[in-house]
Amino acid sequence: MARPGRHRGFTLIELLVVIAIIAVLIALILPAVQAAREAARRMQCTNNLKQLGLALHNYETAASALPMTMSLLGTGNTVYYDTGWSAQARLLPYMEGNPLYNAANIIVFKEDPINATVISLTVNGFICPSEVRPQVSTHDYGLSGVINYGMCGGDWFVWGGFNGPFNRQAFGPNRSLRLASITDGLSQTLLAAEVKAYQTASNCRFTTLPSVNNPNNIPSPYANPFQVAPEYDNGLCVTENQYEFHTEWSDGHVHAGGFTTAWPPNKAIIGRSFYPGMDLDLNGKNEENGGPTFSAINARSYHPGGVNTLLGDGSVRFVKSTIDGMVWRSLGTVTGGEVVSGDNY
């Protein structure tokens, strides 16, 4: 009888070699796939900002001015009427958001029960695809949709009260600026930029900052934040809202729907005694408490190396985190008279 033939299988070494080859191929392909996904997310983010720019221009054409970030009434530094609605909320009819805008009651406070459903909804056009926490946020008044695109609302100085000066930027409480009044040039003026939802913060909500109190004496963008404003580390600040910055698209406060050019994008401000090891933004006295408001609410993004920004002419530029601090400040002003070359950012 003939002996049956032996079937040769894979040896253990051959199997390990095949697995190693597959692992190497995956290691080579995965970064390319991730890079392609990030490129797609960044492109969508750019498109979101372009749509925001179109909405701003259409609003300005219809109303003859850009939208204000908050509508306040009062005297001196006393606020007795505050609707709270953000510039982004006012732009909804120009961003295919008519049903949401029509459902809102803009003439009353945004947190009134009648607006509870509206403000709790997520507006996709306000969310960057790279945001890691796009979920609806929870506050003491209820739920709120988050936001990733803030309006340029100050350098350090945000609002000086009803008798005080306006800031040097395009947006602020009770301020409706015309595009024609931006004498620095629309292509060299920031209107909006990316911000991170749930940004950690040290919030001096009810406390003025003795070290930062002059609208015309703004600290250097190269200064140490805790030397500029030691109140954030000496126990004088109320530090609630640790994770609540940029978690309310409907809110016009600069820490909710805006940013400032105090420091360049993605500036690392590491928490001290209150939140050690955390990257903080710093807010001194909210607008609803009468100001004056001084804040370092930084543009931040999950895109590697910088942030997407919207300029006054409607163009979107990716600005590197390494931009010079004074160039960044210059881009934020509307009538500063600075000459900024495109090569600088």
Protein backbone atom coordinates (compact mmCIF):
# COMPACT_ATOMS: atom_id res chain seq x y z
CA MET A 1 0.00 0.00 0.00
CA ALA A 2 1.25 3.49 -0.88
CA ARG A 3 1.98 5.72 2.06
CA PRO A 4 -0.14 8.90 2.15
CA GLY A 5 1.76 12.11 1.33
CA ARG A 6 2.59 14.53 4.12
CA HIS A 7 1.06 18.02 3.88
CA ARG A 8 3.55 20.69 4.84
CA GLY A 9 2.12 23.57 6.99
CA PHE A 10 3.51 26.90 8.21
CA THR A 11 6.23 26.75 10.76
CA LEU A 12 6.02 28.95 13.84
CA ILE A 13 8.87 31.14 12.55
CA GLU A 14 7.12 31.67 9.20
CA LEU A 15 3.90 32.60 10.98
CA LEU A 16 5.73 35.12 13.16
CA VAL A 17 7.43 36.63 10.10
CA VAL A 18 4.04 37.09 8.37
CA ILE A 19 2.58 38.72 11.50
CA ALA A 20 5.60 41.02 11.74
CA ILE A 21 5.21 42.06 8.09
CA ILE A 22 1.51 42.81 8.61
CA ALA A 23 2.34 44.85 11.73
CA VAL A 24 4.92 46.88 9.81
CA LEU A 25 2.45 47.55 7.00
CA ILE A 26 -0.18 48.68 9.51
CA ALA A 27 2.37 50.94 11.20
CA LEU A 28 3.17 52.50 7.84
CA ILE A 29 -0.43 52.90 6.71
CA LEU A 30 -2.02 54.07 9.98
CA PRO A 31 -0.30 57.49 10.15
CA ALA A 32 -1.30 58.16 6.56
CA VAL A 33 -4.91 57.25 7.33
CA GLN A 34 -4.90 59.43 10.44
CA ALA A 35 -3.35 62.30 8.49
CA ALA A 36 -6.04 61.95 5.83
CA ARG A 37 -8.76 62.00 8.47
CA GLU A 38 -7.27 65.07 10.13
CA ALA A 39 -7.01 66.79 6.76
CA ALA A 40 -10.70 66.09 6.18
CA ARG A 41 -11.62 67.38 9.65
CA ARG A 42 -9.54 70.50 9.16
CA MET A 43 -11.20 71.10 5.77
CA GLN A 44 -14.65 70.81 7.37
CA CYS A 45 -13.56 73.17 10.14
CA THR A 46 -12.38 75.66 7.53
CA ASN A 47 -15.73 75.39 5.77
CA ASN A 48 -17.57 76.03 9.06
CA LEU A 49 -15.63 79.24 9.54
CA LYS A 50 -16.28 80.29 5.95
CA GLN A 51 -20.00 79.83 6.51
CA LEU A 52 -19.70 81.90 9.67
CA GLY A 53 -17.93 84.60 7.66
CA LEU A 54 -20.68 84.62 5.03
CA ALA A 55 -23.27 84.89 7.78
CA LEU A 56 -21.45 87.86 9.33
CA HIS A 57 -21.26 89.68 6.01
CA ASN A 58 -24.91 88.99 5.21
CA TYR A 59 -25.94 90.15 8.68
CA GLU A 60 -23.89 93.32 8.28
CA THR A 61 -25.52 93.98 4.93
CA ALA A 62 -29.00 93.54 6.38
CA ALA A 63 -28.45 95.37 9.69
CA SER A 64 -25.69 97.79 8.60
CA ALA A 65 -23.52 96.53 11.47
CA LEU A 66 -22.00 93.36 12.91
CA PRO A 67 -23.96 91.65 15.69
CA MET A 68 -23.26 92.64 19.29
CA THR A 69 -22.14 89.90 21.66
CA MET A 70 -24.45 90.97 24.49
CA SER A 71 -27.29 93.41 24.97
CA LEU A 72 -26.98 95.16 28.33
CA LEU A 73 -28.76 98.06 30.05
CA GLY A 74 -27.58 99.87 33.14
CA THR A 75 -25.66 102.82 34.49
CA GLY A 76 -21.98 103.09 35.37
CA ASN A 77 -21.00 99.54 36.20
CA THR A 78 -24.45 98.38 37.28
CA VAL A 79 -26.31 96.03 34.93
CA TYR A 80 -30.07 95.75 35.39
CA TYR A 81 -31.03 94.21 32.03
CA ASP A 82 -29.16 91.43 30.30
CA THR A 83 -30.46 89.13 27.57
CA GLY A 84 -27.19 87.23 27.41
CA TRP A 85 -27.56 86.16 23.76
CA SER A 86 -24.35 85.74 21.77
CA ALA A 87 -23.42 87.09 18.35
CA GLN A 88 -23.53 83.49 17.09
CA ALA A 89 -27.16 83.19 18.18
CA ARG A 90 -28.02 86.34 16.23
CA LEU A 91 -26.42 84.83 13.12
CA LEU A 92 -28.62 81.72 13.03
CA PRO A 93 -31.03 83.06 10.35
CA TYR A 94 -28.02 83.54 8.06
CA MET A 95 -26.72 80.00 8.65
CA GLU A 96 -29.84 78.01 7.74
CA GLY A 97 -30.88 78.19 11.37
CA ASN A 98 -34.21 79.97 10.93
CA PRO A 99 -36.30 77.36 12.78
CA LEU A 100 -33.99 77.47 15.80
CA TYR A 101 -33.86 81.27 15.78
CA ASN A 102 -37.64 81.54 15.43
CA ALA A 103 -38.07 79.19 18.38
CA ALA A 104 -35.89 81.41 20.58
CA ASN A 105 -37.16 84.44 22.44
CA ILE A 106 -34.27 86.85 21.91
CA ILE A 107 -35.82 89.74 23.83
CA VAL A 108 -35.71 87.85 27.16
CA PHE A 109 -32.82 86.30 29.04
CA LYS A 110 -31.45 83.28 27.24
CA GLU A 111 -31.74 81.13 30.39
CA ASP A 112 -35.43 81.85 30.94
CA PRO A 113 -37.47 78.62 30.91
CA ILE A 114 -39.03 79.57 27.59
CA ASN A 115 -35.58 79.19 25.95
CA ALA A 116 -34.55 75.98 27.71
CA THR A 117 -35.06 73.71 24.70
CA VAL A 118 -33.43 76.06 22.20
CA ILE A 119 -30.17 76.61 24.06
CA SER A 120 -29.81 72.89 24.83
CA LEU A 121 -29.56 71.96 21.16
CA THR A 122 -26.30 71.38 19.31
CA VAL A 123 -25.63 73.60 16.29
CA ASN A 124 -23.44 71.54 13.96
CA GLY A 125 -22.04 74.62 12.25
CA PHE A 126 -20.56 75.74 15.58
CA ILE A 127 -18.70 72.44 16.21
CA CYS A 128 -15.26 71.54 14.83
CA PRO A 129 -15.04 67.87 13.75
CA SER A 130 -11.81 67.54 15.77
CA GLU A 131 -13.50 68.54 19.05
CA VAL A 132 -13.13 65.65 21.52
CA ARG A 133 -16.11 66.65 23.71
CA PRO A 134 -18.96 67.85 21.49
CA GLN A 135 -21.58 66.61 23.96
CA VAL A 136 -24.20 68.94 25.43
CA SER A 137 -23.04 70.53 28.70
CA THR A 138 -24.85 70.70 32.03
CA HIS A 139 -25.20 73.93 34.02
CA ASP A 140 -27.11 75.05 37.09
CA TYR A 141 -29.85 76.44 34.82
CA GLY A 142 -30.07 73.35 32.59
CA LEU A 143 -28.46 72.04 29.40
CA SER A 144 -26.51 73.92 26.75
CA GLY A 145 -24.88 73.14 23.41
CA VAL A 146 -21.12 73.73 23.18
CA ILE A 147 -19.19 75.86 20.69
CA ASN A 148 -15.81 75.83 18.93
CA TYR A 149 -15.79 79.22 17.17
CA GLY A 150 -15.38 82.34 19.29
CA MET A 151 -15.69 85.97 18.28
CA CYS A 152 -12.67 88.25 18.81
CA GLY A 153 -13.69 90.16 21.93
CA GLY A 154 -10.57 91.82 23.35
CA ASP A 155 -6.82 91.70 23.92
CA TRP A 156 -6.79 91.75 27.71
CA PHE A 157 -9.40 94.48 27.93
CA VAL A 158 -12.93 93.30 27.07
CA TRP A 159 -15.47 95.80 28.45
CA GLY A 160 -15.24 98.98 30.51
CA GLY A 161 -18.80 99.31 31.75
CA PHE A 162 -21.49 101.63 30.41
CA ASN A 163 -19.34 104.74 30.84
CA GLY A 164 -16.08 103.09 29.89
CA PRO A 165 -14.35 102.76 26.52
CA PHE A 166 -14.99 100.03 23.97
CA ASN A 167 -12.32 97.41 23.46
CA ARG A 168 -10.04 97.46 20.42
CA GLN A 169 -11.64 94.46 18.73
CA ALA A 170 -14.61 93.86 16.45
CA PHE A 171 -17.03 92.49 19.06
CA GLY A 172 -18.21 93.47 22.50
CA PRO A 173 -21.27 94.16 24.67
CA ASN A 174 -23.64 96.75 23.18
CA ARG A 175 -21.27 97.18 20.24
CA SER A 176 -22.41 96.91 16.63
CA LEU A 177 -19.43 97.76 14.46
CA ARG A 178 -19.64 98.43 10.73
CA LEU A 179 -17.18 96.66 8.45
CA ALA A 180 -16.39 100.02 6.86
CA SER A 181 -15.11 101.26 10.22
CA ILE A 182 -12.40 98.58 10.35
CA THR A 183 -9.62 100.83 9.10
CA ASP A 184 -6.84 98.28 9.64
CA GLY A 185 -8.14 96.39 6.60
CA LEU A 186 -10.52 93.46 6.55
CA SER A 187 -7.85 91.04 5.36
CA GLN A 188 -5.72 91.88 8.41
CA THR A 189 -8.39 91.81 11.11
CA LEU A 190 -9.53 88.80 13.13
CA LEU A 191 -13.25 88.27 13.47
CA ALA A 192 -13.32 84.73 14.84
CA ALA A 193 -11.08 81.79 15.71
CA GLU A 194 -11.26 78.27 17.05
CA VAL A 195 -11.70 77.61 20.76
CA LYS A 196 -11.90 74.36 22.73
CA ALA A 197 -15.11 73.30 24.42
CA TYR A 198 -14.90 72.55 28.15
CA GLN A 199 -11.74 74.64 28.45
CA THR A 200 -10.41 74.61 32.00
CA ALA A 201 -10.40 78.02 33.62
CA SER A 202 -9.70 80.16 36.62
CA ASN A 203 -12.62 82.56 36.78
CA CYS A 204 -12.48 85.74 38.88
CA ARG A 205 -16.14 86.20 38.20
CA PHE A 206 -16.97 88.69 40.95
CA THR A 207 -13.47 90.06 41.51
CA THR A 208 -11.72 92.95 39.83
CA LEU A 209 -8.04 92.48 39.06
CA PRO A 210 -5.96 95.14 40.82
CA SER A 211 -2.94 94.13 38.76
CA VAL A 212 -4.81 94.49 35.45
CA ASN A 213 -7.12 97.50 35.61
CA ASN A 214 -6.14 99.98 32.93
CA PRO A 215 -7.60 99.49 29.42
CA ASN A 216 -4.64 101.39 27.96
CA ASN A 217 -1.97 99.46 29.86
CA ILE A 218 -2.17 95.96 28.46
CA PRO A 219 0.46 93.42 29.61
CA SER A 220 3.02 92.08 27.18
CA PRO A 221 2.03 88.88 25.32
CA TYR A 222 5.39 87.47 26.43
CA ALA A 223 4.72 88.00 30.14
CA ASN A 224 4.17 85.26 32.69
CA PRO A 225 0.40 85.06 33.26
CA PHE A 226 0.72 84.59 37.00
CA GLN A 227 3.04 87.57 37.34
CA VAL A 228 0.67 89.71 35.30
CA ALA A 229 -2.36 88.69 37.39
CA PRO A 230 -1.28 87.09 40.68
CA GLU A 231 -4.92 87.13 41.84
CA TYR A 232 -5.34 83.85 40.00
CA ASP A 233 -2.97 82.15 42.41
CA ASN A 234 -3.42 83.90 45.75
CA GLY A 235 -6.96 82.86 46.63
CA LEU A 236 -8.77 86.05 45.54
CA CYS A 237 -10.53 84.46 42.58
CA VAL A 238 -13.79 82.59 42.63
CA THR A 239 -12.86 79.43 40.79
CA GLU A 240 -16.13 77.83 39.86
CA ASN A 241 -16.85 76.85 36.24
CA GLN A 242 -13.62 74.89 36.03
CA TYR A 243 -14.62 73.14 32.81
CA GLU A 244 -17.34 75.47 31.54
CA PHE A 245 -15.61 77.84 29.13
CA HIS A 246 -17.02 77.57 25.60
CA THR A 247 -19.85 75.26 26.60
CA GLU A 248 -22.69 77.68 25.72
CA TRP A 249 -23.13 78.72 22.09
CA SER A 250 -26.02 80.96 23.13
CA ASP A 251 -23.98 82.92 25.68
CA GLY A 252 -22.31 86.20 24.70
CA HIS A 253 -19.78 86.38 27.54
CA VAL A 254 -16.24 86.37 26.19
CA HIS A 255 -15.41 83.15 28.03
CA ALA A 256 -18.43 81.43 26.51
CA GLY A 257 -18.69 82.67 22.92
CA GLY A 258 -15.47 84.57 22.40
CA PHE A 259 -11.71 84.73 22.75
CA THR A 260 -9.07 87.39 23.34
CA THR A 261 -5.63 87.98 21.85
CA ALA A 262 -3.90 88.37 25.22
CA TRP A 263 -1.54 85.53 24.29
CA PRO A 264 -0.93 83.60 21.05
CA PRO A 265 -3.03 80.55 20.13
CA ASN A 266 -2.73 77.43 22.29
CA LYS A 267 -0.74 79.29 24.96
CA ALA A 268 0.03 76.89 27.80
CA ILE A 269 -1.05 78.45 31.10
CA ILE A 270 -0.45 75.76 33.68
CA GLY A 271 -2.66 75.96 36.76
CA ARG A 272 -1.11 76.71 40.15
CA SER A 273 -2.73 76.13 43.51
CA PHE A 274 -6.31 75.73 42.30
CA TYR A 275 -5.89 73.47 39.30
CA PRO A 276 -2.29 72.23 39.22
CA GLY A 277 -1.18 70.74 35.94
CA MET A 278 -4.17 72.05 33.99
CA ASP A 279 -4.06 74.37 31.01
CA LEU A 280 -6.12 77.38 32.10
CA ASP A 281 -7.81 80.40 30.61
CA LEU A 282 -8.19 83.40 32.90
CA ASN A 283 -11.34 85.52 33.21
CA GLY A 284 -11.67 88.56 35.48
CA LYS A 285 -15.22 89.74 36.26
CA ASN A 286 -17.97 88.91 33.80
CA GLU A 287 -19.78 91.47 31.72
CA GLU A 288 -23.07 90.71 33.48
CA ASN A 289 -21.48 91.94 36.72
CA GLY A 290 -20.77 95.39 35.32
CA GLY A 291 -17.13 95.09 34.36
CA PRO A 292 -14.52 96.18 33.86
CA THR A 293 -13.65 92.85 32.26
CA PHE A 294 -10.08 91.75 31.62
CA SER A 295 -9.59 88.24 30.28
CA ALA A 296 -7.06 85.94 28.67
CA ILE A 297 -9.39 83.61 26.78
CA ASN A 298 -7.09 81.98 24.26
CA ALA A 299 -7.81 80.64 20.80
CA ARG A 300 -7.26 76.89 21.01
CA SER A 301 -7.61 73.96 18.65
CA TYR A 302 -7.08 70.21 18.35
CA HIS A 303 -5.53 70.70 14.91
CA PRO A 304 -1.76 70.19 15.24
CA GLY A 305 0.33 73.34 15.24
CA GLY A 306 -2.22 76.14 15.33
CA VAL A 307 -5.81 77.31 14.87
CA ASN A 308 -8.12 78.18 12.02
CA THR A 309 -9.11 81.85 12.01
CA LEU A 310 -11.70 83.94 10.19
CA LEU A 311 -10.59 87.32 8.86
CA GLY A 312 -12.77 90.31 8.07
CA ASP A 313 -12.73 89.76 4.34
CA GLY A 314 -14.29 86.31 4.83
CA SER A 315 -11.09 84.37 4.24
CA VAL A 316 -9.95 81.60 6.58
CA ARG A 317 -6.30 81.34 7.55
CA PHE A 318 -4.51 78.71 9.62
CA VAL A 319 -2.41 80.61 12.15
CA LYS A 320 0.48 78.77 13.78
CA SER A 321 0.82 78.61 17.54
CA THR A 322 4.31 80.04 17.12
CA ILE A 323 3.03 83.37 15.78
CA ASP A 324 4.67 86.37 17.42
CA GLY A 325 2.50 87.66 20.25
CA MET A 326 2.51 91.25 19.02
CA VAL A 327 1.54 90.19 15.50
CA TRP A 328 -1.37 88.23 16.98
CA ARG A 329 -2.42 91.29 18.97
CA SER A 330 -2.19 93.44 15.85
CA LEU A 331 -4.46 91.08 13.93
CA GLY A 332 -7.06 91.49 16.66
CA THR A 333 -7.36 95.27 16.53
CA VAL A 334 -9.72 97.08 14.16
CA THR A 335 -8.27 100.61 14.15
CA GLY A 336 -4.79 100.11 15.58
CA GLY A 337 -2.99 101.26 12.45
CA GLU A 338 -0.48 98.36 12.61
CA VAL A 339 1.08 97.11 9.38
CA VAL A 340 0.98 93.30 9.35
CA SER A 341 2.59 91.35 6.54
CA GLY A 342 1.09 88.08 5.44
CA ASP A 343 4.52 86.53 5.91
CA ASN A 344 4.22 87.11 9.67
CA TYR A 345 1.37 84.66 10.19
